[in-house]
Amino acid sequence: MTEIALSAPAATRATALPGGRIASLDGLRGAAALMVVIAHYFGEAPGGIAGFTWGWVGVGLFFVLSGFLIGGIILDQKEERSFLRNFYLKRAGRILPAYLIALTLAFGGAWLFRAEPWVDPLRSPLIYLTFTQNIAIPLSGEAGSAWLLPTWTLAVEEQFYLLLPLLLMALSRRALAPILVILWAAATAFRFAVHDANHFASLTLLPSRMDLLLAGVLAALALRGLDLSRWRLALRLTPLAAVIGLLAVALTRDPALFAILSPTLLSLGAGAFILALVQGAPEGKRFSGPVLGFFGLISYGLYLLHQPISGLLHGLLLDDRPNVASPEAIAVSVLAVAVSVGAAYASFRLVEAPVLAVARRAASRKMALH
């Protein structure tokens, strides 16, 4: 989850925004955030609508987009002096502000209302501070508190980006693509190997989700090394083929098969779709509007804050956990959407953007000193 920016040559093929950002990718990220919020509030909550349980698609899109954007940054800058220090400094500036706000809100609310039955017990603060909640889930055999449950995906990302720069710096240009493809395929094999023994391990561990992130990295590599103008039709058709594949797997009504294969298919479809958008595919117009662009801007804070805000509002106003089983509960969930959007926007403007700007200036100063 980072700002959506590309090099100028790539940006000229699609609708560009200031700073080289791509409007359609901003909108795609906004759509992913909305998928997650709608799923959590109106699909997966008690009384929810089954047709709204598409949060896993939004999470998958976040992963592929993240791999594409951050992977591209690493590919472009890995030869620069002090790259690793500057990279991790910028990552901390981007990730930590909203994350610490979400932790403060969740732990503060859980402590203030600890006697209430609607409070979700949280895991140890150390687990969240070390980004190991995706490991704690399969070890404990339970998903844990809904208030901070979405942060397992952040743990996967941080573990991935701790290792990816080292891997890309170590590999030769010739070995880079084959090794990344092998690792991408290994994720499907890992899910197949562990699913029956530990269902959560096949969902939350880094090896079980690295194909989505690596699909983005491979897309970034393709953008920099191939003439994609020759493959525009294939890039536009691949997402459709992936959707058909997902529907075919879903129709088998085999949960294990879907859990194993859906990330593989989603990674292929999302990676191709992102490249199609960057190449200026007509589908990009649907994601280039100001509404989705706004949600793309605040998507990180919205993703982290919407669950604790929903939990607190439902508890304080209805003395219950989040659900949509009554008109009153639906009204509170709608209110939670509005409050979450406002909180995410405030977080971005007042905390995230200023801290990231400071981190960037610090990284630039360190580069100048060398």
Protein backbone atom coordinates (compact mmCIF):
# COMPACT_ATOMS: atom_id res chain seq x y z
CA MET A 1 0.00 0.00 0.00
CA THR A 2 1.90 2.93 -1.27
CA GLU A 3 1.38 5.94 -3.45
CA ILE A 4 0.81 5.00 -7.06
CA ALA A 5 3.65 6.38 -9.14
CA LEU A 6 5.51 5.21 -12.22
CA SER A 7 8.31 6.43 -14.37
CA ALA A 8 7.33 9.09 -16.89
CA PRO A 9 7.43 6.87 -20.02
CA ALA A 10 4.95 4.45 -18.49
CA ALA A 11 2.78 7.21 -17.12
CA THR A 12 2.27 8.77 -20.54
CA ARG A 13 0.37 5.71 -21.76
CA ALA A 14 -2.45 6.18 -19.25
CA THR A 15 -4.08 9.15 -17.58
CA ALA A 16 -1.32 10.67 -15.47
CA LEU A 17 -1.65 12.67 -12.28
CA PRO A 18 0.87 15.01 -10.63
CA GLY A 19 3.99 13.19 -9.51
CA GLY A 20 3.69 10.56 -12.24
CA ARG A 21 0.80 8.75 -10.53
CA ILE A 22 -1.63 6.78 -12.67
CA ALA A 23 -5.27 7.79 -12.15
CA SER A 24 -6.66 4.36 -13.02
CA LEU A 25 -4.39 2.62 -10.52
CA ASP A 26 -5.38 5.11 -7.83
CA GLY A 27 -8.99 4.23 -8.62
CA LEU A 28 -8.30 0.50 -8.65
CA ARG A 29 -6.84 0.76 -5.18
CA GLY A 30 -9.87 2.77 -4.08
CA ALA A 31 -12.14 0.06 -5.46
CA ALA A 32 -10.16 -2.58 -3.55
CA ALA A 33 -10.59 -0.63 -0.30
CA LEU A 34 -14.34 -0.32 -0.86
CA MET A 35 -14.59 -4.06 -1.56
CA VAL A 36 -13.00 -4.79 1.81
CA VAL A 37 -15.13 -2.32 3.78
CA ILE A 38 -18.40 -3.41 2.15
CA ALA A 39 -17.54 -7.06 2.72
CA HIS A 40 -16.68 -6.55 6.39
CA TYR A 41 -19.68 -4.33 7.12
CA PHE A 42 -22.44 -5.76 4.95
CA GLY A 43 -21.31 -9.18 3.76
CA GLU A 44 -19.32 -11.03 6.40
CA ALA A 45 -21.01 -9.56 9.49
CA PRO A 46 -23.92 -11.51 11.04
CA GLY A 47 -27.01 -10.99 8.92
CA GLY A 48 -24.89 -9.97 5.94
CA ILE A 49 -25.58 -10.51 2.26
CA ALA A 50 -23.64 -13.42 0.75
CA GLY A 51 -23.13 -11.52 -2.50
CA PHE A 52 -21.08 -8.91 -0.64
CA THR A 53 -18.39 -11.32 0.60
CA TRP A 54 -15.80 -10.18 -1.92
CA GLY A 55 -13.28 -8.76 0.54
CA TRP A 56 -10.74 -11.42 -0.48
CA VAL A 57 -10.70 -9.92 -3.98
CA GLY A 58 -9.90 -6.49 -2.57
CA VAL A 59 -7.10 -7.92 -0.41
CA GLY A 60 -5.68 -9.74 -3.43
CA LEU A 61 -5.74 -6.55 -5.49
CA PHE A 62 -3.94 -4.71 -2.70
CA PHE A 63 -1.21 -7.35 -2.71
CA VAL A 64 -0.70 -7.32 -6.48
CA LEU A 65 -0.77 -3.51 -6.66
CA SER A 66 1.71 -3.32 -3.81
CA GLY A 67 4.08 -5.77 -5.50
CA PHE A 68 3.82 -3.82 -8.76
CA LEU A 69 4.52 -0.43 -7.19
CA ILE A 70 7.07 -1.29 -4.54
CA GLY A 71 8.73 -3.90 -6.74
CA GLY A 72 9.10 -1.27 -9.44
CA ILE A 73 10.72 1.13 -6.98
CA ILE A 74 13.20 -1.54 -5.93
CA LEU A 75 14.01 -2.49 -9.53
CA ASP A 76 14.62 1.17 -10.41
CA GLN A 77 16.63 2.14 -7.35
CA LYS A 78 18.41 -0.98 -6.06
CA GLU A 79 21.75 0.08 -7.53
CA GLU A 80 21.73 3.44 -5.75
CA ARG A 81 24.01 4.08 -2.81
CA SER A 82 22.33 3.66 0.58
CA PHE A 83 19.30 2.18 -1.16
CA LEU A 84 18.36 -0.25 1.61
CA ARG A 85 18.50 2.37 4.36
CA ASN A 86 16.48 4.85 2.32
CA PHE A 87 13.98 2.20 1.24
CA TYR A 88 13.24 1.04 4.78
CA LEU A 89 13.11 4.62 6.04
CA LYS A 90 10.45 5.52 3.47
CA ARG A 91 8.53 2.31 4.19
CA ALA A 92 8.45 3.17 7.88
CA GLY A 93 7.24 6.69 7.07
CA ARG A 94 4.46 5.32 4.90
CA ILE A 95 3.33 2.38 7.04
CA LEU A 96 3.73 3.31 10.69
CA PRO A 97 1.58 6.45 11.17
CA ALA A 98 -1.84 5.01 10.26
CA TYR A 99 -0.87 1.66 11.75
CA LEU A 100 -0.05 3.19 15.13
CA ILE A 101 -3.27 5.20 15.01
CA ALA A 102 -5.25 1.99 14.44
CA LEU A 103 -3.44 0.22 17.28
CA THR A 104 -4.05 3.16 19.62
CA LEU A 105 -7.75 3.27 18.74
CA ALA A 106 -8.22 -0.48 19.13
CA PHE A 107 -6.22 -0.95 22.33
CA GLY A 108 -7.54 2.28 23.85
CA GLY A 109 -11.13 1.30 23.14
CA ALA A 110 -10.60 -2.25 24.37
CA TRP A 111 -9.13 -0.94 27.64
CA LEU A 112 -11.76 1.77 28.24
CA PHE A 113 -14.66 -0.62 27.67
CA ARG A 114 -12.96 -3.82 28.84
CA ALA A 115 -15.93 -4.79 30.98
CA GLU A 116 -18.37 -4.73 28.06
CA PRO A 117 -19.27 -8.04 26.37
CA TRP A 118 -19.03 -6.51 22.89
CA VAL A 119 -15.31 -5.74 23.20
CA ASP A 120 -13.11 -7.96 21.06
CA PRO A 121 -10.15 -9.35 23.05
CA LEU A 122 -6.93 -8.38 21.29
CA ARG A 123 -3.70 -10.30 20.96
CA SER A 124 -0.55 -9.21 22.77
CA PRO A 125 0.63 -5.75 21.66
CA LEU A 126 4.03 -7.31 20.92
CA ILE A 127 2.50 -9.40 18.15
CA TYR A 128 1.13 -6.33 16.39
CA LEU A 129 4.28 -4.28 16.95
CA THR A 130 6.47 -7.00 15.44
CA PHE A 131 4.12 -7.63 12.49
CA THR A 132 3.74 -11.32 13.33
CA GLN A 133 -0.05 -11.56 13.57
CA ASN A 134 -0.17 -13.59 10.35
CA ILE A 135 2.00 -16.18 12.14
CA ALA A 136 0.02 -16.01 15.40
CA ILE A 137 -3.21 -16.88 13.57
CA PRO A 138 -2.18 -20.39 12.40
CA LEU A 139 -0.28 -21.02 15.63
CA SER A 140 -3.34 -20.22 17.77
CA GLY A 141 -5.82 -21.78 15.36
CA GLU A 142 -8.14 -18.78 15.49
CA ALA A 143 -8.51 -15.56 13.56
CA GLY A 144 -8.56 -13.38 16.66
CA SER A 145 -10.07 -9.94 17.20
CA ALA A 146 -12.01 -8.53 14.26
CA TRP A 147 -10.91 -5.04 15.27
CA LEU A 148 -7.35 -5.62 14.08
CA LEU A 149 -7.80 -8.73 11.98
CA PRO A 150 -7.10 -6.90 8.67
CA THR A 151 -3.58 -6.17 9.89
CA TRP A 152 -2.47 -9.74 9.10
CA THR A 153 -2.14 -8.61 5.48
CA LEU A 154 0.13 -5.78 6.55
CA ALA A 155 2.31 -8.29 8.37
CA VAL A 156 2.60 -10.33 5.16
CA GLU A 157 3.64 -7.22 3.23
CA GLU A 158 6.22 -6.11 5.75
CA GLN A 159 7.81 -9.55 5.85
CA PHE A 160 7.84 -9.62 2.04
CA TYR A 161 9.48 -6.20 1.75
CA LEU A 162 12.03 -7.07 4.37
CA LEU A 163 13.25 -9.83 2.06
CA LEU A 164 12.46 -8.67 -1.48
CA PRO A 165 15.11 -5.92 -1.78
CA LEU A 166 17.79 -8.36 -0.63
CA LEU A 167 16.60 -10.96 -3.15
CA LEU A 168 16.46 -8.55 -6.08
CA MET A 169 19.88 -7.13 -5.24
CA ALA A 170 21.41 -10.61 -5.02
CA LEU A 171 20.00 -12.03 -8.28
CA SER A 172 21.61 -11.47 -11.64
CA ARG A 173 19.55 -9.94 -14.43
CA ARG A 174 19.40 -13.31 -16.20
CA ALA A 175 18.24 -15.22 -13.10
CA LEU A 176 15.74 -12.62 -11.91
CA ALA A 177 12.62 -13.56 -13.89
CA PRO A 178 13.03 -17.38 -13.62
CA ILE A 179 13.54 -17.26 -9.85
CA LEU A 180 10.55 -14.99 -9.34
CA VAL A 181 8.37 -17.30 -11.45
CA ILE A 182 9.54 -20.33 -9.46
CA LEU A 183 8.69 -18.57 -6.19
CA TRP A 184 5.33 -17.50 -7.62
CA ALA A 185 4.48 -21.13 -8.46
CA ALA A 186 5.79 -22.32 -5.09
CA ALA A 187 3.01 -20.43 -3.30
CA THR A 188 0.34 -22.63 -4.86
CA ALA A 189 2.34 -25.74 -3.94
CA PHE A 190 2.70 -24.45 -0.37
CA ARG A 191 -1.05 -23.92 0.00
CA PHE A 192 -1.69 -27.42 -1.33
CA ALA A 193 0.85 -28.92 1.10
CA VAL A 194 -0.40 -27.24 4.28
CA HIS A 195 -4.12 -26.67 3.72
CA ASP A 196 -5.37 -29.91 5.28
CA ALA A 197 -2.96 -29.71 8.20
CA ASN A 198 -3.59 -26.04 9.03
CA HIS A 199 -6.20 -24.11 7.08
CA PHE A 200 -5.05 -20.77 8.51
CA ALA A 201 -1.45 -21.41 7.44
CA SER A 202 -2.62 -21.70 3.83
CA LEU A 203 -4.29 -18.31 4.16
CA THR A 204 -2.05 -16.02 6.20
CA LEU A 205 1.59 -17.07 6.05
CA LEU A 206 3.93 -15.25 3.67
CA PRO A 207 4.64 -18.34 1.50
CA SER A 208 0.90 -18.80 0.99
CA ARG A 209 0.38 -15.25 -0.25
CA MET A 210 3.64 -14.44 -2.01
CA ASP A 211 2.26 -15.32 -5.46
CA LEU A 212 -0.02 -12.27 -5.30
CA LEU A 213 2.84 -9.96 -4.35
CA LEU A 214 5.23 -11.59 -6.82
CA ALA A 215 2.70 -11.27 -9.63
CA GLY A 216 2.95 -7.52 -9.11
CA VAL A 217 6.74 -7.63 -9.07
CA LEU A 218 6.76 -9.70 -12.28
CA ALA A 219 4.39 -7.18 -13.87
CA ALA A 220 6.77 -4.37 -12.90
CA LEU A 221 9.66 -6.33 -14.38
CA ALA A 222 7.73 -6.95 -17.61
CA LEU A 223 6.90 -3.24 -17.88
CA ARG A 224 10.60 -2.43 -17.76
CA GLY A 225 11.89 -5.20 -20.02
CA LEU A 226 9.26 -6.00 -22.66
CA ASP A 227 7.44 -4.20 -25.46
CA LEU A 228 3.98 -4.64 -24.00
CA SER A 229 2.29 -2.77 -26.83
CA ARG A 230 2.38 -6.06 -28.75
CA TRP A 231 0.48 -7.81 -25.97
CA ARG A 232 -2.33 -5.37 -25.22
CA LEU A 233 -5.12 -7.69 -26.33
CA ALA A 234 -3.70 -10.59 -24.32
CA LEU A 235 -3.38 -8.34 -21.26
CA ARG A 236 -7.04 -7.36 -21.58
CA LEU A 237 -8.25 -10.93 -22.10
CA THR A 238 -6.24 -12.54 -19.30
CA PRO A 239 -8.34 -10.98 -16.48
CA LEU A 240 -11.49 -12.30 -18.17
CA ALA A 241 -9.96 -15.77 -18.40
CA ALA A 242 -8.98 -15.55 -14.71
CA VAL A 243 -12.54 -14.62 -13.73
CA ILE A 244 -13.89 -17.58 -15.72
CA GLY A 245 -11.36 -19.81 -13.98
CA LEU A 246 -12.40 -18.51 -10.56
CA LEU A 247 -16.06 -19.14 -11.35
CA ALA A 248 -15.25 -22.66 -12.54
CA VAL A 249 -13.36 -23.42 -9.32
CA ALA A 250 -16.17 -21.91 -7.24
CA LEU A 251 -18.74 -24.09 -9.01
CA THR A 252 -16.92 -27.22 -7.82
CA ARG A 253 -18.09 -26.23 -4.30
CA ASP A 254 -14.78 -27.50 -2.96
CA PRO A 255 -13.56 -24.96 -0.35
CA ALA A 256 -10.08 -26.46 -0.25
CA LEU A 257 -9.65 -26.27 -4.02
CA PHE A 258 -10.88 -22.68 -4.05
CA ALA A 259 -8.52 -21.69 -1.22
CA ILE A 260 -5.58 -23.23 -3.06
CA LEU A 261 -6.25 -21.98 -6.59
CA SER A 262 -8.07 -18.65 -6.17
CA PRO A 263 -4.93 -16.65 -5.26
CA THR A 264 -3.11 -18.12 -8.26
CA LEU A 265 -5.88 -17.13 -10.66
CA LEU A 266 -6.38 -13.74 -9.02
CA SER A 267 -2.65 -12.98 -9.22
CA LEU A 268 -2.63 -13.70 -12.96
CA GLY A 269 -5.75 -11.68 -13.66
CA ALA A 270 -4.81 -8.71 -11.48
CA GLY A 271 -1.23 -8.56 -12.76
CA ALA A 272 -2.39 -8.52 -16.38
CA PHE A 273 -5.14 -6.01 -15.61
CA ILE A 274 -2.69 -3.59 -14.00
CA LEU A 275 -0.40 -3.78 -17.03
CA ALA A 276 -3.39 -3.23 -19.33
CA LEU A 277 -4.36 -0.11 -17.37
CA VAL A 278 -0.80 1.22 -17.50
CA GLN A 279 -0.83 0.66 -21.27
CA GLY A 280 -3.93 2.84 -21.53
CA ALA A 281 -6.62 0.17 -21.91
CA PRO A 282 -10.17 1.61 -22.23
CA GLU A 283 -11.14 -0.11 -18.97
CA GLY A 284 -9.00 2.46 -17.20
CA LYS A 285 -11.68 5.12 -17.67
CA ARG A 286 -13.89 3.30 -15.18
CA PHE A 287 -11.25 3.70 -12.48
CA SER A 288 -10.01 7.21 -13.29
CA GLY A 289 -12.83 9.24 -11.75
CA PRO A 290 -12.46 11.47 -8.69
CA VAL A 291 -14.57 9.29 -6.36
CA LEU A 292 -12.48 6.14 -6.68
CA GLY A 293 -9.37 8.33 -6.77
CA PHE A 294 -10.32 9.80 -3.41
CA PHE A 295 -10.82 6.37 -1.88
CA GLY A 296 -7.48 5.33 -3.36
CA LEU A 297 -5.85 8.29 -1.62
CA ILE A 298 -7.22 7.33 1.81
CA SER A 299 -7.32 3.56 1.23
CA TYR A 300 -4.57 2.64 3.67
CA GLY A 301 -6.07 4.48 6.63
CA LEU A 302 -9.56 3.30 5.69
CA TYR A 303 -8.39 -0.30 5.54
CA LEU A 304 -6.84 -0.13 9.00
CA LEU A 305 -9.41 2.00 10.83
CA HIS A 306 -12.78 0.76 9.61
CA GLN A 307 -12.99 -2.32 11.83
CA PRO A 308 -12.20 -0.77 15.23
CA ILE A 309 -14.50 2.16 14.38
CA SER A 310 -17.33 -0.24 13.51
CA GLY A 311 -16.76 -2.28 16.67
CA LEU A 312 -16.81 0.78 18.90
CA LEU A 313 -19.86 2.38 17.27
CA HIS A 314 -21.96 -0.79 17.37
CA GLY A 315 -20.94 -1.38 20.96
CA LEU A 316 -21.55 2.16 22.19
CA LEU A 317 -24.80 2.77 20.29
CA LEU A 318 -26.40 -0.70 20.29
CA ASP A 319 -24.49 -2.56 23.00
CA ASP A 320 -23.69 -5.28 20.48
CA ARG A 321 -20.99 -6.51 18.14
CA PRO A 322 -21.14 -5.37 14.50
CA ASN A 323 -23.98 -6.92 12.49
CA VAL A 324 -26.57 -5.98 9.89
CA ALA A 325 -29.42 -8.09 11.22
CA SER A 326 -31.73 -5.14 12.00
CA PRO A 327 -32.49 -1.69 10.57
CA GLU A 328 -30.78 -0.08 13.57
CA ALA A 329 -27.63 -2.14 13.04
CA ILE A 330 -27.60 -1.31 9.32
CA ALA A 331 -27.90 2.39 10.18
CA VAL A 332 -24.93 2.15 12.56
CA SER A 333 -22.89 0.36 9.89
CA VAL A 334 -23.68 3.16 7.42
CA LEU A 335 -22.64 5.67 10.08
CA ALA A 336 -19.43 3.68 10.59
CA VAL A 337 -18.65 4.02 6.88
CA ALA A 338 -18.94 7.81 7.11
CA VAL A 339 -16.87 8.01 10.30
CA SER A 340 -14.20 5.69 8.88
CA VAL A 341 -13.90 7.75 5.69
CA GLY A 342 -13.55 10.94 7.71
CA ALA A 343 -11.00 9.41 10.06
CA ALA A 344 -8.98 7.99 7.16
CA TYR A 345 -8.93 11.34 5.39
CA ALA A 346 -7.85 13.13 8.57
CA SER A 347 -5.18 10.50 9.14
CA PHE A 348 -3.81 10.96 5.63
CA ARG A 349 -3.80 14.77 5.65
CA LEU A 350 -2.71 15.39 9.22
CA VAL A 351 -0.40 12.46 9.95
CA GLU A 352 0.49 10.12 7.09
CA ALA A 353 1.41 12.64 4.39
CA PRO A 354 3.47 14.92 6.69
CA VAL A 355 5.40 12.01 8.20
CA LEU A 356 6.08 10.51 4.77
CA ALA A 357 7.34 13.87 3.54
CA VAL A 358 9.77 14.04 6.47
CA ALA A 359 10.96 10.47 5.77
CA ARG A 360 11.55 11.33 2.12
CA ARG A 361 13.51 14.47 3.00
CA ALA A 362 15.61 12.49 5.47
CA ALA A 363 16.36 9.85 2.83
CA SER A 364 17.27 12.56 0.32
CA ARG A 365 19.62 14.25 2.78
CA LYS A 366 21.37 10.96 3.50
CA MET A 367 21.81 10.35 -0.23
CA ALA A 368 23.25 13.84 -0.68
CA LEU A 369 25.75 13.28 2.15
CA HIS A 370 27.08 10.26 0.31
